[in-house]
């Protein structure tokens, strides 16, 4: 048996940090380390593109991994992941990327580049590990930053240095032993009294919960608060479905709100944002609740976010502790019935999210009808992954599905990540059927990962809303009176693409046989692409509001 090398030492450090799932594309700079980590029992998902490996790790965090771990080689392997890193920074995802660096002892190396500026430009942290005696400490530092600050960290190690004999170092102490163990932050009594007075005086209250509410296990408290006020419930897009089984759940709060939800928000006089950062999208640029005061209950209220004032009142507290304290400070019964009525409950259950009529076009499907049919067929406990782009509005309107089975990462606005996110979820939740909703443009950016789906035997159903174009761009071009030819590419047969990769696939222009196709996927758990040819004239309300046709 050969003496342990530095890559062995680093693999043991990652394993001690809890790494049991690695997304990677191997090269000179990381292959010995990754192989050593696999030898310790870590499962490796080998991607076909470095960007996709990091995107998969991001989705694995959304699906329950404490820290996502990915690995790339040096030079171009590292520069390929910039979009993924920028997205992970904005989404506050704990991520550690092991990257090779060019060898120290060579006078010239083809892939050498100063890697740190690329990483730090995205907002991520770069740790250059050059001292064998300190490398284990630097792994711990990387995981500590990722966990504590919830942002990505890249650790770069020259690959010739990795092959050197491992130094004699003290037993590894994982970052989890250094994290402070904190209780729930309780609200200030004066702040609490002020907020309680505002809530007691309000007549039409909507409780909007975000990721902080879910993390703090505050959903039940939010329901109790809305019930006390006769108010309504809504969730930000990342935690869509948090109140899926409540009769007065509005669904998504923000640009993706349904017609019924937007009408309710327009009448609200108080919005309670619980564990939500109240982004531009959540408030729909300030248009969603024009007459309402906003109270933010959050452990880290920031006051100003994405060019807008966040709230009128703040209650600094853990989301659950803050809501429970507010409940205790309110009267037992509301002064008025508030929003609630049998008619509203009925509309929330039956009214379409968008009722705008569009003339039917032969051979093409209305994407809203596609989603309604899929919503009726797909089991409620399957994992749903919603990608980005124009098509993402439609899939977000599925109802009655719990938040723990819904996955989306929308930050930075990049398309092309949907398939990678679906793979990350499937890897983090082995054996669970995963359904991806994406457009043709985003899918084709990284269609090569279909081979990854086949090779790893992942049960992923891709539902592609294929308008034969980059959807957002054609609607913007048309609204501005510009030719759309530069964003139109034709629908083709994406089912045939899937079959070319050894998976199942079909074009869908008639929904009559859809149930049988999904039943086949449910039985075989074999990767499948359903290529829905949709009508590119059907425009989402988000696009219609943001880009109304101009007079030309």
Protein backbone atom coordinates (compact mmCIF):
# COMPACT_ATOMS: atom_id res chain seq x y z
CA UNK A 1 0.00 0.00 0.00
CA UNK A 2 1.40 3.39 -0.99
CA UNK A 3 1.71 6.21 1.50
CA UNK A 4 -1.30 8.55 1.54
CA UNK A 5 -1.12 11.56 -0.72
CA UNK A 6 -2.45 15.05 -0.21
CA UNK A 7 -5.48 14.22 -2.38
CA UNK A 8 -6.24 11.37 0.04
CA UNK A 9 -6.03 13.75 2.99
CA UNK A 10 -8.33 16.24 1.26
CA UNK A 11 -10.81 13.50 0.35
CA UNK A 12 -10.96 12.38 3.99
CA UNK A 13 -11.60 16.01 5.05
CA UNK A 14 -14.53 16.35 2.62
CA UNK A 15 -15.88 13.00 3.78
CA UNK A 16 -15.64 14.13 7.41
CA UNK A 17 -17.69 17.19 6.46
CA UNK A 18 -20.51 14.86 5.43
CA UNK A 19 -19.93 14.77 1.67
CA UNK A 20 -21.74 11.69 0.34
CA UNK A 21 -22.78 13.09 -3.06
CA UNK A 22 -20.41 14.72 -5.54
CA UNK A 23 -21.25 16.22 -8.94
CA UNK A 24 -18.19 16.38 -11.12
CA UNK A 25 -16.48 16.39 -14.46
CA UNK A 26 -13.04 14.84 -14.14
CA UNK A 27 -9.77 16.30 -15.39
CA UNK A 28 -6.11 16.44 -14.44
CA UNK A 29 -6.80 18.81 -11.57
CA UNK A 30 -9.40 16.77 -9.67
CA UNK A 31 -9.47 13.15 -10.82
CA UNK A 32 -7.22 11.68 -8.13
CA UNK A 33 -9.08 13.53 -5.37
CA UNK A 34 -12.51 12.53 -6.72
CA UNK A 35 -11.45 8.90 -7.05
CA UNK A 36 -10.18 8.91 -3.45
CA UNK A 37 -13.48 10.40 -2.27
CA UNK A 38 -15.44 7.77 -4.17
CA UNK A 39 -13.32 5.12 -2.44
CA UNK A 40 -14.62 6.42 0.90
CA UNK A 41 -18.21 5.68 -0.14
CA UNK A 42 -19.22 8.97 -1.79
CA UNK A 43 -21.60 8.68 -4.75
CA UNK A 44 -20.31 10.46 -7.86
CA UNK A 45 -22.58 11.89 -10.54
CA UNK A 46 -20.45 12.49 -13.62
CA UNK A 47 -21.81 15.41 -15.65
CA UNK A 48 -21.03 16.21 -19.28
CA UNK A 49 -20.39 19.93 -18.62
CA UNK A 50 -18.82 21.72 -15.67
CA UNK A 51 -21.56 24.32 -15.42
CA UNK A 52 -24.09 21.51 -15.13
CA UNK A 53 -22.12 19.78 -12.37
CA UNK A 54 -22.30 22.90 -10.20
CA UNK A 55 -25.96 23.50 -11.07
CA UNK A 56 -26.74 19.93 -10.04
CA UNK A 57 -25.07 20.53 -6.68
CA UNK A 58 -27.16 23.69 -6.23
CA UNK A 59 -30.39 21.79 -6.80
CA UNK A 60 -29.27 19.07 -4.40
CA UNK A 61 -29.15 21.73 -1.66
CA UNK A 62 -32.72 22.74 -2.51
CA UNK A 63 -33.65 19.07 -2.23
CA UNK A 64 -32.17 18.63 1.23
CA UNK A 65 -28.37 18.36 1.05
CA UNK A 66 -26.80 20.47 3.82
CA UNK A 67 -23.96 21.60 1.54
CA UNK A 68 -23.78 20.97 -2.18
CA UNK A 69 -20.41 19.69 -3.38
CA UNK A 70 -19.09 19.82 -6.94
CA UNK A 71 -15.68 19.50 -8.53
CA UNK A 72 -14.02 20.73 -11.72
CA UNK A 73 -10.53 20.76 -13.11
CA UNK A 74 -8.38 23.84 -13.55
CA UNK A 75 -8.45 26.56 -16.23
CA UNK A 76 -11.42 26.10 -18.59
CA UNK A 77 -13.00 23.68 -16.14
CA UNK A 78 -13.19 26.53 -13.66
CA UNK A 79 -14.13 29.33 -16.06
CA UNK A 80 -17.11 27.29 -17.33
CA UNK A 81 -18.92 27.57 -13.96
CA UNK A 82 -19.22 31.35 -13.59
CA UNK A 83 -22.96 31.56 -14.31
CA UNK A 84 -23.69 28.79 -11.83
CA UNK A 85 -21.60 30.47 -9.13
CA UNK A 86 -23.30 33.84 -9.64
CA UNK A 87 -26.69 32.15 -9.37
CA UNK A 88 -25.68 30.27 -6.20
CA UNK A 89 -24.47 33.52 -4.61
CA UNK A 90 -27.76 35.29 -5.27
CA UNK A 91 -29.77 32.27 -4.14
CA UNK A 92 -27.76 32.05 -0.88
CA UNK A 93 -26.90 28.39 -1.45
CA UNK A 94 -24.19 26.70 0.65
CA UNK A 95 -21.84 25.17 -1.89
CA UNK A 96 -18.22 23.97 -1.90
CA UNK A 97 -16.44 23.43 -5.21
CA UNK A 98 -13.13 21.55 -5.28
CA UNK A 99 -11.14 22.87 -8.23
CA UNK A 100 -7.75 21.95 -9.52
CA UNK A 101 -5.14 24.59 -10.15
CA UNK A 102 -2.31 24.56 -12.67
CA UNK A 103 0.85 22.74 -11.49
CA UNK A 104 3.33 24.83 -9.52
CA UNK A 105 6.47 23.15 -10.81
CA UNK A 106 5.95 23.60 -14.56
CA UNK A 107 7.34 26.62 -16.37
CA UNK A 108 4.36 26.63 -18.74
CA UNK A 109 0.95 24.96 -18.62
CA UNK A 110 -1.67 25.35 -21.33
CA UNK A 111 -4.66 25.76 -18.97
CA UNK A 112 -3.05 28.08 -16.45
CA UNK A 113 -5.04 31.16 -15.49
CA UNK A 114 -5.47 33.28 -12.38
CA UNK A 115 -8.66 31.65 -11.13
CA UNK A 116 -9.41 33.77 -8.06
CA UNK A 117 -10.63 36.94 -9.87
CA UNK A 118 -13.20 34.94 -11.84
CA UNK A 119 -14.65 33.41 -8.69
CA UNK A 120 -14.64 36.55 -6.57
CA UNK A 121 -16.30 38.52 -9.39
CA UNK A 122 -19.39 36.34 -8.92
CA UNK A 123 -19.52 37.07 -5.19
CA UNK A 124 -18.23 33.64 -4.20
CA UNK A 125 -15.17 33.04 -2.02
CA UNK A 126 -11.93 31.64 -3.42
CA UNK A 127 -9.46 29.81 -1.19
CA UNK A 128 -6.10 28.98 -2.76
CA UNK A 129 -4.58 26.06 -0.90
CA UNK A 130 -0.79 25.99 -1.26
CA UNK A 131 0.43 24.89 2.15
CA UNK A 132 0.07 21.13 2.78
CA UNK A 133 0.14 21.72 6.53
CA UNK A 134 -2.84 24.10 6.29
CA UNK A 135 -4.96 22.44 3.61
CA UNK A 136 -7.22 20.50 5.96
CA UNK A 137 -7.85 23.72 7.90
CA UNK A 138 -8.74 25.43 4.62
CA UNK A 139 -11.28 22.71 3.77
CA UNK A 140 -12.88 23.31 7.16
CA UNK A 141 -12.86 27.07 6.47
CA UNK A 142 -14.57 26.50 3.10
CA UNK A 143 -17.36 24.44 4.64
CA UNK A 144 -17.72 26.85 7.56
CA UNK A 145 -18.21 29.81 5.22
CA UNK A 146 -20.65 27.85 3.06
CA UNK A 147 -22.73 26.78 6.07
CA UNK A 148 -22.57 29.98 8.11
CA UNK A 149 -22.86 32.55 5.33
CA UNK A 150 -24.86 30.40 2.89
CA UNK A 151 -22.76 31.13 -0.15
CA UNK A 152 -20.49 29.18 -2.49
CA UNK A 153 -16.79 28.66 -1.83
CA UNK A 154 -14.23 27.39 -4.33
CA UNK A 155 -11.07 25.79 -3.00
CA UNK A 156 -8.25 25.55 -5.56
CA UNK A 157 -5.32 23.14 -5.17
CA UNK A 158 -2.48 22.77 -7.71
CA UNK A 159 -2.70 19.23 -9.01
CA UNK A 160 1.02 18.46 -8.78
CA UNK A 161 0.88 19.49 -5.13
CA UNK A 162 -2.07 17.14 -4.57
CA UNK A 163 0.14 14.21 -5.56
CA UNK A 164 2.73 14.92 -2.86
CA UNK A 165 2.86 12.77 0.30
CA UNK A 166 0.32 13.86 2.90
CA UNK A 167 1.76 15.69 5.91
CA UNK A 168 1.27 14.44 9.43
CA UNK A 169 -1.58 16.60 10.72
CA UNK A 170 -3.85 16.45 13.75
CA UNK A 171 -7.23 14.66 13.49
CA UNK A 172 -9.71 16.57 11.33
CA UNK A 173 -12.33 18.63 13.11
CA UNK A 174 -15.35 19.26 10.81
CA UNK A 175 -16.89 22.71 10.48
CA UNK A 176 -20.11 21.58 12.15
CA UNK A 177 -18.29 21.45 15.50
CA UNK A 178 -17.48 25.16 15.20
CA UNK A 179 -20.92 26.47 14.24
CA UNK A 180 -22.62 28.31 17.10
CA UNK A 181 -25.76 26.64 18.42
CA UNK A 182 -28.34 29.40 18.56
CA UNK A 183 -31.91 29.53 19.80
CA UNK A 184 -34.80 31.27 18.11
CA UNK A 185 -34.46 35.05 18.04
CA UNK A 186 -37.30 36.58 20.08
CA UNK A 187 -38.89 39.93 19.13
CA UNK A 188 -38.37 43.20 20.95
CA UNK A 189 -41.47 44.00 23.08
CA UNK A 190 -41.79 47.56 21.77
CA UNK A 191 -41.58 46.42 18.14
CA UNK A 192 -44.05 43.64 18.87
CA UNK A 193 -46.59 46.01 20.40
CA UNK A 194 -46.39 48.37 17.42
CA UNK A 195 -46.87 45.55 14.92
CA UNK A 196 -49.73 44.05 16.97
CA UNK A 197 -51.55 47.41 16.86
CA UNK A 198 -51.13 47.57 13.08
CA UNK A 199 -52.47 44.04 12.63
CA UNK A 200 -55.40 44.64 14.98
CA UNK A 201 -56.38 47.77 13.04
CA UNK A 202 -56.17 46.07 9.62
CA UNK A 203 -59.26 44.72 7.88
CA UNK A 204 -57.82 42.82 4.93
CA UNK A 205 -54.65 40.94 5.86
CA UNK A 206 -52.53 38.67 3.70
CA UNK A 207 -49.71 36.59 5.21
CA UNK A 208 -46.90 36.00 2.70
CA UNK A 209 -44.36 33.35 3.72
CA UNK A 210 -40.89 32.94 2.22
CA UNK A 211 -37.94 30.60 2.55
CA UNK A 212 -37.20 31.86 6.05
CA UNK A 213 -40.67 30.77 7.18
CA UNK A 214 -40.15 27.30 5.81
CA UNK A 215 -36.66 27.03 7.35
CA UNK A 216 -38.03 28.10 10.74
CA UNK A 217 -40.96 25.65 10.52
CA UNK A 218 -43.35 28.60 10.76
CA UNK A 219 -46.07 27.40 8.37
CA UNK A 220 -48.50 26.33 11.11
CA UNK A 221 -48.00 29.62 12.96
CA UNK A 222 -48.65 31.55 9.73
CA UNK A 223 -51.89 29.64 9.21
CA UNK A 224 -52.97 30.38 12.79
CA UNK A 225 -52.20 34.08 12.29
CA UNK A 226 -54.17 34.28 9.04
CA UNK A 227 -57.07 32.42 10.67
CA UNK A 228 -57.05 34.85 13.62
CA UNK A 229 -57.20 37.84 11.26
CA UNK A 230 -59.68 36.37 8.80
CA UNK A 231 -56.87 36.80 6.32
CA UNK A 232 -55.43 35.00 3.33
CA UNK A 233 -52.20 33.06 2.81
CA UNK A 234 -49.62 33.13 0.03
CA UNK A 235 -46.05 31.96 -0.50
CA UNK A 236 -43.11 33.25 -2.49
CA UNK A 237 -42.24 31.21 -5.57
CA UNK A 238 -39.36 29.20 -4.00
CA UNK A 239 -41.74 27.80 -1.36
CA UNK A 240 -44.84 27.59 -3.52
CA UNK A 241 -47.26 25.11 -1.96
CA UNK A 242 -46.41 25.89 1.67
CA UNK A 243 -50.17 26.31 2.35
CA UNK A 244 -51.38 24.03 -0.44
CA UNK A 245 -54.12 22.38 1.66
CA UNK A 246 -55.65 25.58 3.12
CA UNK A 247 -58.93 26.80 1.54
CA UNK A 248 -57.71 30.40 1.53
CA UNK A 249 -54.30 29.80 -0.04
CA UNK A 250 -53.70 32.32 -2.83
CA UNK A 251 -50.78 30.31 -4.21
CA UNK A 252 -47.77 32.30 -5.40
CA UNK A 253 -47.22 35.89 -4.27
CA UNK A 254 -45.56 37.99 -6.95
CA UNK A 255 -45.43 38.33 -10.70
CA UNK A 256 -46.68 34.73 -10.98
CA UNK A 257 -49.82 35.41 -8.91
CA UNK A 258 -53.08 34.19 -10.40
CA UNK A 259 -55.88 36.55 -11.47
CA UNK A 260 -57.78 35.76 -8.26
CA UNK A 261 -54.72 36.34 -6.09
CA UNK A 262 -53.91 39.65 -7.78
CA UNK A 263 -57.46 40.87 -7.16
CA UNK A 264 -57.13 39.98 -3.48
CA UNK A 265 -53.73 41.65 -3.12
CA UNK A 266 -55.14 44.80 -4.72
CA UNK A 267 -57.68 45.01 -1.87
CA UNK A 268 -55.25 44.21 0.97
CA UNK A 269 -54.58 46.88 3.57
CA UNK A 270 -51.82 44.92 5.36
CA UNK A 271 -49.28 42.38 4.08
CA UNK A 272 -47.31 40.39 6.65
CA UNK A 273 -44.10 39.16 5.01
CA UNK A 274 -42.83 36.28 7.15
CA UNK A 275 -39.30 35.08 6.50
CA UNK A 276 -39.45 36.69 3.07
CA UNK A 277 -36.95 39.18 1.68
CA UNK A 278 -39.71 40.91 -0.34
CA UNK A 279 -37.86 40.96 -3.62
CA UNK A 280 -38.80 42.91 -6.72
CA UNK A 281 -40.52 39.79 -8.08
CA UNK A 282 -42.44 39.07 -4.86
CA UNK A 283 -43.90 42.58 -4.82
CA UNK A 284 -44.18 42.63 -8.62
CA UNK A 285 -42.18 45.83 -8.64
CA UNK A 286 -44.54 47.44 -6.11
CA UNK A 287 -47.67 46.82 -8.19
CA UNK A 288 -49.03 43.76 -6.38
CA UNK A 289 -50.35 45.42 -3.19
CA UNK A 290 -50.62 49.15 -4.02
CA UNK A 291 -52.77 50.08 -0.98
CA UNK A 292 -51.25 47.87 1.70
CA UNK A 293 -48.85 48.61 4.50
CA UNK A 294 -46.15 45.94 4.79
CA UNK A 295 -44.81 44.36 7.96
CA UNK A 296 -41.68 42.25 7.62
CA UNK A 297 -41.00 39.56 10.24
CA UNK A 298 -37.46 38.37 9.70
CA UNK A 299 -34.30 37.65 11.67
CA UNK A 300 -32.32 39.92 9.32
CA UNK A 301 -34.54 42.69 7.95
CA UNK A 302 -32.57 44.88 5.56
CA UNK A 303 -35.00 47.72 4.85
CA UNK A 304 -34.05 48.24 1.20
CA UNK A 305 -33.86 45.46 -1.37
CA UNK A 306 -33.51 45.46 -5.16
CA UNK A 307 -34.26 49.14 -5.51
CA UNK A 308 -37.33 49.19 -3.27
CA UNK A 309 -38.20 49.91 0.34
CA UNK A 310 -39.08 46.55 1.82
CA UNK A 311 -41.65 47.38 4.51
CA UNK A 312 -43.30 50.03 6.65
CA UNK A 313 -42.82 48.18 9.94
CA UNK A 314 -40.30 45.56 11.02
CA UNK A 315 -40.32 42.83 13.62
CA UNK A 316 -36.84 41.42 14.00
CA UNK A 317 -37.24 37.82 15.08
CA UNK A 318 -37.04 34.22 14.00
CA UNK A 319 -39.99 33.71 11.66
CA UNK A 320 -41.78 31.20 13.86
CA UNK A 321 -40.98 32.93 17.16
CA UNK A 322 -42.09 36.28 15.75
CA UNK A 323 -45.42 35.01 14.45
CA UNK A 324 -46.14 33.07 17.65
CA UNK A 325 -45.39 36.16 19.75
CA UNK A 326 -47.63 38.25 17.52
CA UNK A 327 -50.44 35.73 17.92
CA UNK A 328 -50.13 35.96 21.70
CA UNK A 329 -50.33 39.76 21.51
CA UNK A 330 -53.51 39.85 19.37
CA UNK A 331 -57.14 39.58 20.44
CA UNK A 332 -58.63 36.10 20.32
CA UNK A 333 -61.08 36.91 17.53
CA UNK A 334 -60.85 39.28 14.54
CA UNK A 335 -62.83 42.51 14.58
CA UNK A 336 -64.22 41.78 11.08
CA UNK A 337 -64.52 38.67 8.91
CA UNK A 338 -61.77 40.11 6.72
CA UNK A 339 -61.32 38.65 3.26
CA UNK A 340 -62.89 35.28 3.73
CA UNK A 341 -66.05 34.11 2.01
CA UNK A 342 -67.38 30.91 0.52
CA UNK A 343 -67.33 32.53 -2.92
CA UNK A 344 -63.61 33.38 -2.64
CA UNK A 345 -62.78 29.86 -1.46
CA UNK A 346 -64.63 28.50 -4.49
CA UNK A 347 -62.77 30.82 -6.89
CA UNK A 348 -59.43 29.82 -5.42
CA UNK A 349 -60.21 26.18 -6.12
CA UNK A 350 -61.81 26.47 -9.54
CA UNK A 351 -60.92 29.71 -11.33
CA UNK A 352 -58.12 29.49 -13.93
CA UNK A 353 -54.91 31.31 -13.06
CA UNK A 354 -55.17 33.29 -16.30
CA UNK A 355 -58.51 33.50 -18.07
CA UNK A 356 -57.36 35.61 -21.03
CA UNK A 357 -58.71 34.05 -24.28
CA UNK A 358 -56.39 33.25 -27.19
CA UNK A 359 -57.63 31.93 -30.55
CA UNK A 360 -56.85 28.23 -30.99
CA UNK A 361 -54.31 27.32 -33.68
CA UNK A 362 -54.52 23.88 -35.36
CA UNK A 363 -51.84 21.42 -34.29
CA UNK A 364 -50.65 23.53 -31.36
CA UNK A 365 -51.53 23.33 -27.67
CA UNK A 366 -52.37 26.07 -25.21
CA UNK A 367 -49.64 25.78 -22.52
CA UNK A 368 -52.25 26.51 -19.84
CA UNK A 369 -54.26 23.49 -20.97
CA UNK A 370 -51.11 21.36 -20.96
CA UNK A 371 -50.35 22.27 -17.35
CA UNK A 372 -53.95 21.76 -16.23
CA UNK A 373 -53.94 18.27 -17.72
CA UNK A 374 -50.55 17.40 -16.23
CA UNK A 375 -51.72 18.72 -12.87
CA UNK A 376 -54.66 16.32 -12.99
CA UNK A 377 -52.53 13.30 -13.92
CA UNK A 378 -49.18 13.63 -12.11
CA UNK A 379 -49.08 12.15 -8.59
CA UNK A 380 -48.99 14.73 -5.81
CA UNK A 381 -45.89 13.22 -4.18
CA UNK A 382 -43.61 13.36 -7.24
CA UNK A 383 -40.83 15.96 -7.27
CA UNK A 384 -41.56 18.97 -9.50
CA UNK A 385 -38.73 21.10 -10.91
CA UNK A 386 -39.61 24.43 -12.53
CA UNK A 387 -36.96 25.99 -14.77
CA UNK A 388 -36.68 29.61 -15.93
CA UNK A 389 -37.92 31.48 -18.96
CA UNK A 390 -41.33 32.43 -20.30
CA UNK A 391 -42.73 28.92 -19.86
CA UNK A 392 -42.05 28.87 -16.11
CA UNK A 393 -45.14 30.96 -15.33
CA UNK A 394 -47.48 28.24 -16.58
CA UNK A 395 -45.97 25.38 -14.56
CA UNK A 396 -45.99 27.50 -11.40
CA UNK A 397 -49.80 27.47 -11.45
CA UNK A 398 -50.12 23.81 -10.43
CA UNK A 399 -52.15 23.60 -7.22
CA UNK A 400 -52.50 21.32 -4.22
CA UNK A 401 -48.85 20.26 -4.18
CA UNK A 402 -46.70 20.62 -1.05
CA UNK A 403 -43.65 22.87 -1.00
CA UNK A 404 -41.27 20.04 -0.13
CA UNK A 405 -41.90 18.54 -3.58
CA UNK A 406 -41.40 21.79 -5.52
CA UNK A 407 -37.94 22.96 -6.61
CA UNK A 408 -36.88 26.11 -8.40
CA UNK A 409 -33.83 28.38 -8.49
CA UNK A 410 -34.70 31.59 -10.30
CA UNK A 411 -31.96 33.97 -9.19
CA UNK A 412 -29.81 35.61 -11.91
CA UNK A 413 -32.43 34.87 -14.57
CA UNK A 414 -30.38 32.31 -16.49
CA UNK A 415 -32.12 29.70 -18.62
CA UNK A 416 -30.46 26.41 -19.52
CA UNK A 417 -30.29 24.98 -15.99
CA UNK A 418 -33.52 23.01 -15.77
CA UNK A 419 -32.18 19.57 -16.71
CA UNK A 420 -29.21 20.00 -14.36
CA UNK A 421 -31.53 20.98 -11.52
CA UNK A 422 -33.69 17.93 -12.18
CA UNK A 423 -30.61 15.68 -12.05
CA UNK A 424 -29.52 17.29 -8.77
CA UNK A 425 -32.93 16.65 -7.22
CA UNK A 426 -33.02 13.07 -8.50
CA UNK A 427 -29.56 12.38 -7.08
CA UNK A 428 -30.40 13.93 -3.71
CA UNK A 429 -33.68 11.98 -3.51
CA UNK A 430 -32.76 8.54 -4.90
CA UNK A 431 -35.59 6.62 -6.47
CA UNK A 432 -38.07 9.51 -6.40
CA UNK A 433 -39.71 10.33 -9.76
CA UNK A 434 -38.76 13.85 -10.85
CA UNK A 435 -40.72 15.95 -13.34
CA UNK A 436 -39.01 18.87 -15.06
CA UNK A 437 -40.94 21.73 -16.69
CA UNK A 438 -38.77 23.62 -19.15
CA UNK A 439 -38.84 25.30 -22.53
CA UNK A 440 -37.17 24.13 -25.72
CA UNK A 441 -34.58 26.93 -25.66
CA UNK A 442 -33.39 26.25 -22.13
CA UNK A 443 -33.42 22.49 -22.63
CA UNK A 444 -31.29 22.62 -25.79
CA UNK A 445 -28.57 24.64 -24.04
CA UNK A 446 -27.52 21.54 -22.11
CA UNK A 447 -29.35 18.66 -23.77
CA UNK A 448 -26.15 16.62 -23.51
CA UNK A 449 -27.07 15.89 -19.88
CA UNK A 450 -29.73 13.49 -21.19
CA UNK A 451 -26.81 11.09 -21.47
CA UNK A 452 -26.14 11.64 -17.76
CA UNK A 453 -29.78 10.78 -17.03
CA UNK A 454 -29.45 7.54 -19.01
CA UNK A 455 -26.04 6.55 -17.64
CA UNK A 456 -27.07 7.02 -14.02
CA UNK A 457 -30.55 5.57 -14.53
CA UNK A 458 -32.32 8.62 -13.12
CA UNK A 459 -36.17 8.62 -13.17
CA UNK A 460 -36.73 12.03 -14.76
CA UNK A 461 -39.72 13.03 -16.91
CA UNK A 462 -39.04 16.15 -18.98
CA UNK A 463 -42.17 18.09 -19.93
CA UNK A 464 -40.96 20.60 -22.51
CA UNK A 465 -43.24 23.47 -23.50
CA UNK A 466 -41.89 23.88 -27.00
CA UNK A 467 -42.79 27.13 -28.74
CA UNK A 468 -39.99 26.74 -31.28
CA UNK A 469 -38.22 29.85 -30.02
CA UNK A 470 -36.75 31.70 -27.09
CA UNK A 471 -40.15 32.54 -25.62
CA UNK A 472 -39.33 35.66 -23.63
CA UNK A 473 -37.43 37.17 -26.55
CA UNK A 474 -40.07 36.64 -29.23
CA UNK A 475 -42.75 38.27 -27.09
CA UNK A 476 -40.51 41.25 -26.31
CA UNK A 477 -39.48 41.61 -29.94
CA UNK A 478 -43.08 41.46 -31.09
CA UNK A 479 -44.22 43.94 -28.45
CA UNK A 480 -41.58 46.40 -29.68
CA UNK A 481 -42.51 45.91 -33.31
CA UNK A 482 -39.22 44.21 -34.20
CA UNK A 483 -38.71 41.12 -36.38
CA UNK A 484 -38.64 37.96 -34.27
CA UNK A 485 -36.70 35.76 -36.73
CA UNK A 486 -33.50 35.92 -34.68
CA UNK A 487 -35.21 34.17 -31.76
CA UNK A 488 -37.26 31.62 -33.74
CA UNK A 489 -35.71 28.22 -34.50
CA UNK A 490 -38.59 25.81 -35.17
CA UNK A 491 -40.04 23.10 -32.98
CA UNK A 492 -38.41 20.01 -34.45
CA UNK A 493 -38.78 16.69 -32.59
CA UNK A 494 -37.22 16.79 -29.13
CA UNK A 495 -38.66 13.37 -28.41
CA UNK A 496 -36.35 12.03 -31.12
CA UNK A 497 -33.44 13.79 -29.42
CA UNK A 498 -34.25 11.86 -26.25
CA UNK A 499 -34.45 8.58 -28.14
CA UNK A 500 -31.06 9.34 -29.65
CA UNK A 501 -29.64 9.41 -26.14
CA UNK A 502 -31.25 6.05 -25.33
CA UNK A 503 -34.27 7.42 -23.46
CA UNK A 504 -37.99 7.50 -24.25
CA UNK A 505 -39.47 10.47 -26.04
CA UNK A 506 -42.46 11.67 -28.04
CA UNK A 507 -43.96 14.78 -29.57
CA UNK A 508 -47.34 15.68 -28.04
CA UNK A 509 -49.86 17.63 -30.09
CA UNK A 510 -52.97 15.99 -28.61
CA UNK A 511 -53.52 15.58 -24.87
CA UNK A 512 -55.81 12.56 -25.29
CA UNK A 513 -53.00 10.02 -24.90
CA UNK A 514 -51.09 11.84 -22.18
CA UNK A 515 -52.23 9.68 -19.29
CA UNK A 516 -50.93 6.51 -20.98
CA UNK A 517 -47.54 8.10 -21.62
CA UNK A 518 -47.14 9.15 -18.00
CA UNK A 519 -48.30 5.71 -16.86
CA UNK A 520 -45.51 4.22 -18.95
CA UNK A 521 -42.95 6.47 -17.27
CA UNK A 522 -44.37 5.60 -13.84
CA UNK A 523 -43.97 1.90 -14.61
CA UNK A 524 -40.50 1.95 -16.18
CA UNK A 525 -38.97 4.90 -14.25
CA UNK A 526 -36.91 5.40 -17.41
CA UNK A 527 -35.97 8.90 -18.49
CA UNK A 528 -38.55 10.37 -20.87
CA UNK A 529 -39.04 13.57 -22.86
CA UNK A 530 -42.56 14.75 -23.71
CA UNK A 531 -42.24 17.48 -26.33
CA UNK A 532 -45.43 19.57 -26.12
CA UNK A 533 -45.79 21.73 -29.22
CA UNK A 534 -47.39 24.84 -27.77
CA UNK A 535 -48.90 27.92 -29.34
CA UNK A 536 -46.33 30.73 -29.30
CA UNK A 537 -49.14 33.31 -29.46
CA UNK A 538 -50.22 32.44 -25.91
CA UNK A 539 -48.41 34.97 -23.76
CA UNK A 540 -48.15 34.81 -20.00
CA UNK A 541 -49.71 37.65 -17.98
CA UNK A 542 -46.24 38.44 -16.62
CA UNK A 543 -45.05 39.19 -20.16
CA UNK A 544 -48.23 41.03 -21.11
CA UNK A 545 -47.90 43.37 -18.12
CA UNK A 546 -44.17 43.99 -18.56
CA UNK A 547 -44.19 44.34 -22.37
CA UNK A 548 -47.55 45.53 -23.69
CA UNK A 549 -47.65 46.01 -27.47
CA UNK A 550 -46.53 49.48 -28.45
CA UNK A 551 -48.04 51.66 -31.15
CA UNK A 552 -45.80 51.23 -34.18
